[in-house]
Each structure stands twice: as C-alpha cells, then as structure tokens.
Protein backbone atom coordinates (compact mmCIF):
# COMPACT_ATOMS: atom_id res chain seq x y z
CA MET A 1 0.00 0.00 0.00
CA SER A 2 1.37 3.42 -0.96
CA LEU A 3 2.05 6.14 1.61
CA ILE A 4 -0.80 8.26 0.20
CA SER A 5 -3.24 5.36 0.57
CA LYS A 6 -2.12 4.81 4.16
CA VAL A 7 -2.64 8.49 4.97
CA LYS A 8 -6.10 8.47 3.37
CA ARG A 9 -7.08 5.36 5.35
CA TYR A 10 -5.79 6.92 8.58
CA CYS A 11 -7.70 10.17 7.99
CA ARG A 12 -10.85 8.28 7.09
CA GLY A 13 -10.55 6.28 10.30
CA LEU A 14 -10.23 9.47 12.35
CA VAL A 15 -13.33 10.96 10.73
CA GLU A 16 -15.36 7.79 11.25
CA ALA A 17 -14.23 7.46 14.85
CA PHE A 18 -15.02 11.10 15.65
CA TYR A 19 -18.46 11.20 14.05
CA GLY A 20 -19.38 7.68 15.13
CA ASN A 21 -18.48 8.34 18.78
CA TYR A 22 -20.13 11.75 18.75
CA ASP A 23 -23.31 10.40 17.25
CA ALA A 24 -23.42 7.42 19.62
CA SER A 25 -22.82 9.73 22.58
CA ARG A 26 -25.63 12.07 21.51
CA ARG A 27 -28.06 9.19 21.05
CA ALA A 28 -27.04 7.69 24.39
CA LYS A 29 -27.91 10.89 26.26
CA LYS A 30 -31.28 11.05 24.55
CA ALA A 31 -32.05 7.39 25.25
CA ASN A 32 -31.10 7.68 28.93
CA ARG A 33 -33.18 10.81 29.46
CA HIS A 34 -36.43 8.87 29.71
CA ALA A 35 -35.08 6.21 32.08
CA TYR A 36 -33.69 8.90 34.38
CA ARG A 37 -37.17 10.33 35.02
CA LEU A 38 -38.58 7.00 36.25
CA SER A 39 -38.35 5.42 39.71
CA HIS A 40 -35.01 3.95 40.74
CA ALA A 41 -33.56 1.45 43.22
CA GLU A 42 -30.05 1.45 44.66
CA LEU A 43 -27.56 -1.00 43.20
CA THR A 44 -25.01 -2.97 45.21
CA LYS A 45 -21.30 -2.84 44.39
CA ARG A 46 -21.49 -6.41 43.09
CA GLU A 47 -24.33 -5.41 40.73
CA LYS A 48 -22.40 -2.38 39.47
CA ASP A 49 -19.31 -4.53 38.88
CA ALA A 50 -21.41 -7.02 36.89
CA ILE A 51 -22.75 -4.17 34.74
CA LYS A 52 -19.25 -2.86 34.01
CA GLU A 53 -18.00 -6.34 33.14
CA LEU A 54 -20.77 -7.05 30.62
CA TRP A 55 -21.61 -3.60 29.27
CA GLY A 56 -18.49 -1.50 29.82
CA ASN A 57 -19.19 2.20 29.36
CA TRP A 58 -22.69 1.54 28.02
CA GLY A 59 -24.00 0.83 31.51
CA GLY A 60 -21.93 3.51 33.20
CA LYS A 61 -24.78 5.68 34.48
CA TYR A 62 -26.76 2.68 35.82
CA TRP A 63 -30.09 4.48 35.23
CA SER A 64 -31.66 1.69 33.22
CA PHE A 65 -30.66 -1.01 35.69
CA GLN A 66 -31.89 1.03 38.64
CA PHE A 67 -35.26 1.48 36.93
CA TYR A 68 -35.68 -2.22 36.08
CA LYS A 69 -34.66 -3.26 39.60
CA SER A 70 -37.19 -0.82 41.05
CA PHE A 71 -40.06 -1.79 38.74
CA CYS A 72 -39.46 -5.55 38.50
CA GLY A 73 -38.11 -6.10 42.01
CA THR A 74 -35.02 -7.99 40.88
CA PHE A 75 -31.65 -7.20 39.31
CA ASN A 76 -30.65 -8.78 36.00
CA VAL A 77 -27.43 -7.70 34.32
CA GLN A 78 -28.75 -8.84 30.92
CA TYR A 79 -31.34 -6.06 30.78
CA VAL A 80 -30.18 -4.06 27.78
CA PRO A 81 -29.34 -0.43 28.71
CA ASP A 82 -31.33 2.15 26.76
CA ASP A 83 -28.24 3.68 25.20
CA TYR A 84 -26.84 0.33 24.04
CA TYR A 85 -30.16 -0.71 22.53
CA ASP A 86 -30.36 2.61 20.70
CA TYR A 87 -26.82 2.04 19.42
CA ALA A 88 -27.71 -1.53 18.39
CA GLU A 89 -30.60 -0.28 16.27
CA HIS A 90 -28.28 2.09 14.44
CA VAL A 91 -25.74 -0.64 13.73
CA LEU A 92 -28.10 -3.47 12.86
CA ASN A 93 -30.23 -1.26 10.60
CA LEU A 94 -28.19 0.67 8.06
CA ARG A 95 -29.16 4.35 8.39
CA TRP A 96 -29.52 5.17 4.73
CA ALA A 97 -31.74 2.13 4.22
CA ALA A 98 -33.75 2.64 7.42
CA PHE A 99 -34.81 6.12 6.32
CA PHE A 100 -36.27 4.65 3.14
CA LEU A 101 -37.77 1.48 4.65
CA GLN A 102 -39.63 3.36 7.41
CA HIS A 103 -41.27 5.70 4.91
CA LYS A 104 -44.96 4.86 5.26
CA CYS A 105 -45.57 4.88 1.51
CA MET A 106 -43.04 2.07 1.05
CA LEU A 107 -45.06 -0.73 2.67
CA LYS A 108 -46.57 -1.60 -0.70
CA TYR A 109 -43.12 -2.67 -1.90
CA LEU A 110 -42.39 -4.80 1.17
CA LEU A 111 -45.59 -6.64 2.09
CA PRO A 112 -48.51 -8.51 0.47
CA ALA A 113 -51.60 -6.37 -0.16
CA ALA A 114 -53.65 -8.45 2.29
CA ASN A 115 -51.27 -7.60 5.16
CA ARG A 116 -51.10 -3.82 4.94
CA PRO A 117 -53.66 -1.00 4.83
CA LYS A 118 -55.12 -0.34 1.39
CA PRO A 119 -53.87 3.01 0.03
CA ILE A 120 -56.39 5.34 -1.59
CA VAL A 121 -53.96 8.03 -2.69
CA GLN A 122 -50.31 8.66 -1.81
CA LYS A 123 -48.21 11.78 -2.06
CA ILE A 124 -44.56 10.86 -2.55
CA ASP A 125 -41.96 13.59 -2.93
CA GLY A 126 -44.72 16.01 -3.87
CA HIS A 127 -46.29 13.73 -6.52
CA TYR A 128 -49.79 12.27 -6.13
CA VAL A 129 -50.00 8.60 -7.15
CA THR A 130 -52.30 5.60 -6.92
CA GLU A 131 -51.27 2.33 -5.28
CA ASP A 132 -49.92 1.29 -8.70
CA ASN A 133 -47.88 4.52 -8.95
CA GLU A 134 -50.05 6.07 -11.65
CA GLU A 135 -49.52 9.81 -11.28
CA MET A 136 -52.40 12.27 -10.95
CA THR A 137 -52.98 15.95 -10.23
CA GLN A 138 -53.93 17.28 -6.80
CA ASP A 139 -57.47 17.96 -8.03
CA GLU A 140 -57.77 14.36 -9.20
CA ALA A 141 -56.47 13.16 -5.82
CA LEU A 142 -59.02 15.34 -4.03
CA SER A 143 -61.80 13.98 -6.20
CA LEU A 144 -60.75 10.41 -5.37
CA LEU A 145 -60.62 11.14 -1.64
CA LYS A 146 -64.03 12.80 -1.65
CA LYS A 147 -65.53 9.51 -2.79
CA GLN A 148 -64.52 8.10 0.61
CA SER A 149 -66.57 9.25 3.57
CA VAL A 150 -63.98 8.33 6.21
CA PHE A 151 -60.30 7.46 5.80
CA ILE A 152 -56.89 7.69 7.47
CA ALA A 153 -54.22 10.28 6.65
CA LYS A 154 -50.63 9.68 7.78
CA ASP A 155 -47.59 11.86 7.42
CA ALA A 156 -45.31 9.36 5.69
CA LEU A 157 -42.28 11.01 7.27
CA GLY A 158 -44.10 11.51 10.57
CA PRO A 159 -42.33 12.08 13.89
CA GLY A 160 -43.90 9.03 15.57
CA GLY A 161 -45.92 8.81 18.75
CA GLY A 162 -49.18 8.96 16.80
CA LYS A 163 -48.48 12.52 15.68
CA ARG A 164 -49.79 13.49 12.26
CA VAL A 165 -52.01 10.42 12.04
CA CYS A 166 -55.58 11.58 11.43
CA LYS A 167 -58.96 10.00 10.97
CA VAL A 168 -60.65 12.20 8.37
CA ASP A 169 -64.45 12.33 8.23
CA LEU A 170 -65.37 14.63 5.35
CA GLN A 171 -69.06 14.79 6.30
CA LYS A 172 -68.16 15.85 9.83
CA ASP A 173 -64.97 17.88 9.34
CA GLY A 174 -65.47 19.22 5.83
CA VAL A 175 -62.76 19.71 3.23
CA GLU A 176 -60.86 22.37 5.21
CA GLU A 177 -58.98 19.85 7.33
CA LEU A 178 -58.13 17.85 4.23
CA ASN A 179 -56.69 20.93 2.53
CA ASP A 180 -54.40 21.47 5.53
CA ILE A 181 -53.24 17.85 5.39
CA LEU A 182 -52.42 18.16 1.69
CA LYS A 183 -49.73 20.68 2.63
CA TRP A 184 -47.67 17.89 4.19
CA HIS A 185 -44.81 16.80 1.97
CA ASP A 186 -45.32 13.00 1.90
CA ILE A 187 -48.69 11.48 2.78
CA THR A 188 -50.49 8.16 2.59
CA PHE A 189 -54.29 8.15 2.61
CA GLU A 190 -55.59 4.72 3.58
CA GLU A 191 -58.80 2.84 4.12
CA ILE A 192 -59.63 2.17 7.79
CA VAL A 193 -58.73 -1.27 9.12
CA VAL A 194 -61.75 -2.98 10.70
CA GLN A 195 -60.16 -4.67 13.69
CA HIS A 196 -60.84 -8.09 15.18
CA GLU A 197 -63.41 -8.27 17.96
CA PHE A 198 -60.73 -9.39 20.42
CA MET A 199 -58.75 -6.19 19.88
CA ALA A 200 -61.86 -3.99 19.66
CA GLN A 201 -62.98 -4.99 23.16
CA LEU A 202 -59.90 -3.23 24.61
CA ASN A 203 -61.11 0.07 23.16
CA PRO A 204 -63.29 0.30 20.04
CA ASP A 205 -62.39 3.99 19.57
CA SER A 206 -58.75 3.23 18.67
CA VAL A 207 -57.12 0.77 16.31
CA ASN A 208 -55.28 -1.27 18.95
CA THR A 209 -52.00 -2.82 17.88
CA ILE A 210 -49.34 -5.37 18.76
CA ARG A 211 -45.79 -4.02 18.83
CA PHE A 212 -43.52 -6.92 17.88
CA VAL A 213 -39.74 -6.77 17.87
CA THR A 214 -38.04 -9.26 15.57
CA LEU A 215 -34.35 -10.02 15.05
CA ASN A 216 -32.98 -11.48 11.82
CA ILE A 217 -29.25 -12.27 11.90
CA ASN A 218 -27.10 -15.35 11.24
CA GLN A 219 -29.82 -17.05 9.18
CA ARG A 220 -32.27 -17.01 12.10
CA CYS A 221 -35.32 -14.78 12.46
CA SER A 222 -37.19 -14.74 15.76
CA VAL A 223 -39.71 -12.72 17.76
CA LEU A 224 -37.88 -11.15 20.70
CA SER A 225 -40.78 -9.50 22.50
CA ALA A 226 -44.27 -8.06 22.09
CA PHE A 227 -46.79 -5.86 23.82
CA VAL A 228 -50.30 -4.71 22.99
CA ARG A 229 -51.00 -0.99 22.84
CA MET A 230 -54.49 0.48 23.18
CA GLY A 231 -55.58 4.11 23.02
CA ALA A 232 -57.57 6.18 25.46
CA GLN A 233 -61.34 6.31 25.03
CA GLY A 234 -62.26 8.85 22.37
CA SER A 235 -58.78 8.68 20.79
CA PHE A 236 -58.25 7.05 17.41
CA VAL A 237 -54.50 6.47 17.82
CA ASP A 238 -53.14 3.90 20.25
CA ASN A 239 -50.01 5.68 21.45
CA LEU A 240 -49.30 6.57 25.07
CA SER A 241 -47.72 9.96 24.62
CA GLY A 242 -50.91 11.67 23.46
CA GLY A 243 -53.23 10.61 26.27
CA ASN A 244 -54.20 7.93 28.74
CA GLY A 245 -53.51 4.88 26.64
CA VAL A 246 -52.32 1.59 28.10
CA LEU A 247 -49.81 -1.00 26.95
CA VAL A 248 -49.56 -4.55 28.27
CA GLY A 249 -46.88 -7.17 27.78
CA VAL A 250 -47.58 -10.33 25.80
CA ASN A 251 -45.66 -13.56 26.36
CA GLN A 252 -44.54 -15.98 23.64
CA ASP A 253 -47.93 -17.78 23.81
CA GLY A 254 -49.94 -14.60 23.29
CA MET A 255 -51.07 -14.35 26.92
CA PHE A 256 -51.43 -10.87 28.43
CA ASN A 257 -49.55 -9.85 31.54
CA ALA A 258 -51.69 -9.39 34.65
CA PHE A 259 -51.27 -5.62 34.39
CA GLY A 260 -50.34 -2.96 31.86
CA VAL A 261 -48.76 0.47 32.24
CA ASP A 262 -49.60 4.02 31.23
CA LYS A 263 -47.14 6.63 29.93
CA HIS A 264 -45.83 7.18 33.48
CA PHE A 265 -45.28 3.42 33.96
CA THR A 266 -48.08 3.36 36.52
CA LYS A 267 -49.63 -0.10 36.66
CA GLN A 268 -53.06 -0.49 35.06
CA TYR A 269 -55.09 -3.69 35.49
CA GLN A 270 -57.84 -2.84 33.01
CA SER A 271 -58.10 -1.58 29.45
CA PRO A 272 -59.51 1.95 28.88
CA THR A 273 -62.95 0.30 28.51
CA GLY A 274 -62.67 -1.60 31.82
CA VAL A 275 -61.74 -5.04 30.47
CA SER A 276 -59.46 -6.96 32.89
CA LEU A 277 -56.14 -7.58 31.16
CA GLY A 278 -54.95 -10.65 33.04
CA GLY A 279 -55.89 -13.94 31.37
CA LEU A 280 -56.58 -12.55 27.89
CA GLN A 281 -54.91 -14.35 24.99
CA ILE A 282 -54.51 -13.20 21.39
CA PRO A 283 -56.25 -15.63 18.99
CA ASP A 284 -54.02 -17.60 16.56
CA TYR A 285 -50.92 -15.97 18.02
CA GLU A 286 -48.49 -18.59 16.68
CA LYS A 287 -49.78 -18.04 13.15
CA ILE A 288 -49.37 -14.27 13.50
CA LYS A 289 -45.80 -14.63 14.79
CA SER A 290 -44.90 -16.94 11.90
CA GLN A 291 -46.27 -14.45 9.38
CA ILE A 292 -44.33 -11.55 10.89
CA THR A 293 -41.01 -13.41 10.90
CA ALA A 294 -41.65 -14.50 7.31
CA PHE A 295 -42.21 -10.86 6.33
CA HIS A 296 -38.98 -9.83 8.07
CA GLN A 297 -36.93 -12.37 6.13
CA HIS A 298 -37.85 -10.58 2.89
CA ILE A 299 -36.85 -7.07 4.03
CA PRO A 300 -33.20 -6.27 3.30
CA PHE A 301 -30.89 -4.02 5.35
CA ALA A 302 -33.13 -4.27 8.42
CA ASN A 303 -31.98 -6.75 11.04
CA LEU A 304 -33.98 -5.43 14.02
CA ILE A 305 -37.57 -4.32 13.36
CA GLY A 306 -40.35 -2.99 15.57
CA TRP A 307 -43.69 -3.81 13.95
CA ASP A 308 -47.02 -2.06 14.58
CA ILE A 309 -49.58 -4.74 13.80
CA ALA A 310 -53.38 -4.52 13.77
CA ILE A 311 -55.50 -7.68 13.52
CA ASP A 312 -58.31 -7.39 11.01
CA LYS A 313 -61.81 -8.79 11.37
CA ASN A 314 -60.69 -12.08 9.82
CA GLY A 315 -57.79 -12.53 12.24
CA GLU A 316 -55.09 -11.57 9.72
CA PRO A 317 -52.17 -9.32 10.75
CA VAL A 318 -52.12 -5.91 9.07
CA VAL A 319 -48.79 -4.07 9.26
CA LEU A 320 -49.49 -0.39 9.88
CA GLU A 321 -45.82 0.58 9.90
CA ILE A 322 -42.33 -0.68 10.69
CA ASN A 323 -39.91 1.04 13.05
CA LEU A 324 -36.16 0.73 12.79
CA ASP A 325 -35.12 3.15 15.51
CA SER A 326 -37.84 3.40 18.17
CA ALA A 327 -38.81 0.05 19.69
CA LEU A 328 -39.66 1.35 23.21
CA VAL A 329 -37.26 -1.08 24.86
CA GLU A 330 -38.28 -0.23 28.45
CA ALA A 331 -41.87 -1.29 27.79
CA HIS A 332 -40.70 -4.64 26.41
CA GLN A 333 -38.24 -5.43 29.16
CA VAL A 334 -40.47 -4.64 32.16
CA PHE A 335 -42.87 -7.34 30.94
CA ASN A 336 -40.78 -9.86 29.05
CA GLY A 337 -37.33 -9.58 30.59
CA PRO A 338 -34.06 -8.81 28.74
CA ILE A 339 -35.07 -8.15 25.17
CA PHE A 340 -32.32 -10.11 23.44
CA GLY A 341 -32.81 -13.12 25.75
CA ASP A 342 -30.59 -16.06 24.84
CA ARG A 343 -29.40 -14.17 21.74
CA LEU A 344 -27.62 -11.42 23.69
CA SER A 345 -24.05 -12.66 23.19
CA GLU A 346 -24.85 -13.38 19.54
CA VAL A 347 -26.11 -9.80 19.04
CA MET A 348 -23.12 -8.25 20.82
CA GLN A 349 -20.68 -10.28 18.76
CA TYR A 350 -22.52 -9.43 15.55
CA ILE A 351 -22.39 -5.72 16.40
CA ASN A 352 -18.70 -5.84 17.27
CA GLU A 353 -17.85 -7.60 14.01
CA ARG A 354 -19.95 -5.20 11.97
CA LYS A 355 -17.59 -2.34 12.83
CA PRO A 356 -20.03 0.55 12.35
CA SER A 357 -18.76 3.51 10.41
CA LEU A 358 -20.10 6.76 9.01
CA ARG A 359 -22.46 4.99 6.63
CA HIS A 360 -24.44 3.69 9.63
CA SER A 361 -24.77 7.02 11.37
CA TYR A 362 -24.85 9.91 8.93
CA ILE A 363 -28.66 9.80 8.77
CA THR A 364 -29.98 10.13 12.32
CA TYR A 365 -33.27 10.95 13.96
C-alpha cells in the first residue's frame, strides 16, 4: 500500500471514529433521558461490577438497571441499557436504508396487499400517485378522496408517537382539514382497518395494535418480545404519549400480563374500557408470529424491526408501519425480561464484528 493510501485510510478512520463516537454519545444521552425520570432502586457494588464487566461504558450511568430493579423487584445484568439498545438499532439497521424502509408509503413494496392498509392516494416527494404509482394531479387526488366518507391520513415522514395520524371524516370535518393535510410533503391516505373483535374490546375507539420486535441475523429470524397498545377512550390512535392509553406485555404464547402500564409506567389492570387484562390471549398468536417473521426475512438491510400490527376482522395481521429506531425497549423489558434473551451474546458479537462507520450514522433521527 502506498504512503498516500495509508494516509487516506488513517484520515478516514479518524473521521469515522469522531463522528461515530459523537453520534453514539448524543443518542445515548437522549435514550437515557427517559429512564432517568422514572423510579429507581439502589444497586449494590457487586451489581455495578457485573454491569461494568458485561456492558463496559454503556451501563456507566446505571439508570436503566436502577429502573428495572425498582419496577421488576429484581436485578438482571442482561437487561439491555437504553443507550446500548439505541446504538444496536443504528448498527443493525443501516441508516440510509432505514430512512427509506420506514417511509410509510413504502409498505406496498415490502408486504402482500392483504397484510397492509389499502392506500387510496399517496403523495410521494410532492407527486400524487395511486397504489400502482399512476400519477395524478392534486385535483384528481381530491376527487378520489371525496368519494370516501372516512379514511386515514398519515404523514409518511411523521415524527412518531401517533403525531400526524388523522382520521378524516369529510361529512363531519369538511374539506378544510383535508386541505391542511395536503400541505404535508409526503402522505399516505388509507382505508380504515376494521379490527378483530378481540382487539376492539380493549377500546373500540382506537385501532389497537401489537408491537412486535423481531431479530434477523445469522440465518435465524425470531420474535424477541411483544406488547399490545391500546388508546384512550375517544382517541383514534393507540399511542401513550398523546393521552391515557395503556400497553400490556404479551408472552410468547400470546397471553397478556396481569397488568399494563400508562405513559408514566403506573400499573393499570384494566383496558380503557374496563376489560381486565390478566388472562386474555390473542387468537391464533403462533400463526401471526410466523407471518411476521416470514415478512422480516424478505426485508433487506433491516436486522432489528419494531412492527405495529393490527389484527383485522378475519384474524389476519395488518402491518401499519415498521420502526427501525424506536422500539420502546423499556416497555418490552419490564414485561418480558431482557429483550435479546438467549441471543444477547450473539447480538453483541454481531455488532462488534460489523464495525459501524459513518455509513451507519450519517442519517440520524
């Protein structure tokens, strides 16, 4: 190798190290911020030493472990710290690809039509198109939407947390709201999913969903964890941040935990409609898990996916969106234990060997 090539490689390494460490540090602070606000328990010296041995600097602030010990009543060194999980998402899911794959108009390229909401009109990069990508004018798009009495509008580049997800009722709200929505840059207008009676009983006002997390590395795809999320009464979206919604952990057999939590991690034993959570079981859960892992195996560049899944009236899973950088790890681990389970060492080795560089981090949230 020539001297010039060696210098170029050295300089490139410095740039990657600086930006990679800076970006990881920034994400770590953001990830830890939420855990720091929750209740905490004191850790023993032996527990702190175990954290340092397994996690190194990733567990240095101990906030995550103090929270899990307080909430769950026991210490487990394999709970994944918030900052490490955030880092893992950004290594396992290539940033440039994640930005594209999470775009809500892209589901039609990734999933069968029966397992995603049916688009009415989409606006992609300022262009109005049908599901088959036939382009139209804005007036033609408006005319098509007006034929639907009620539909869903989603900001395809939305900030998450249920923001910019609207149920549009033209007879009730008129066209004014729709005109405001059309100012968004990328939009998907979709038919409403009629949910299964099991999910509707939790709250018929919201489309209640299962948040799966799946891992696909080393020729093995598996469901790591899941919880069910239900919205507050009167709210169409199922997220916690916008109201008094509830989420409840689901074990590998589809059984609900005895209690759920609200956005403050206060225990809730009933759904927003008063249905007792303990003892409920999702119908045909094994079939749903198998379908989700099969979907994951056909999505490139994404090794760790958080899925928002509705169940339609026929019991089929409908993927509302995929998430490659926001799996809500605390909510999974308080119910189902360490999220990577028996695959933890495999994941850590995979990440170490992947040697993340600028290409993983230059697009961030």
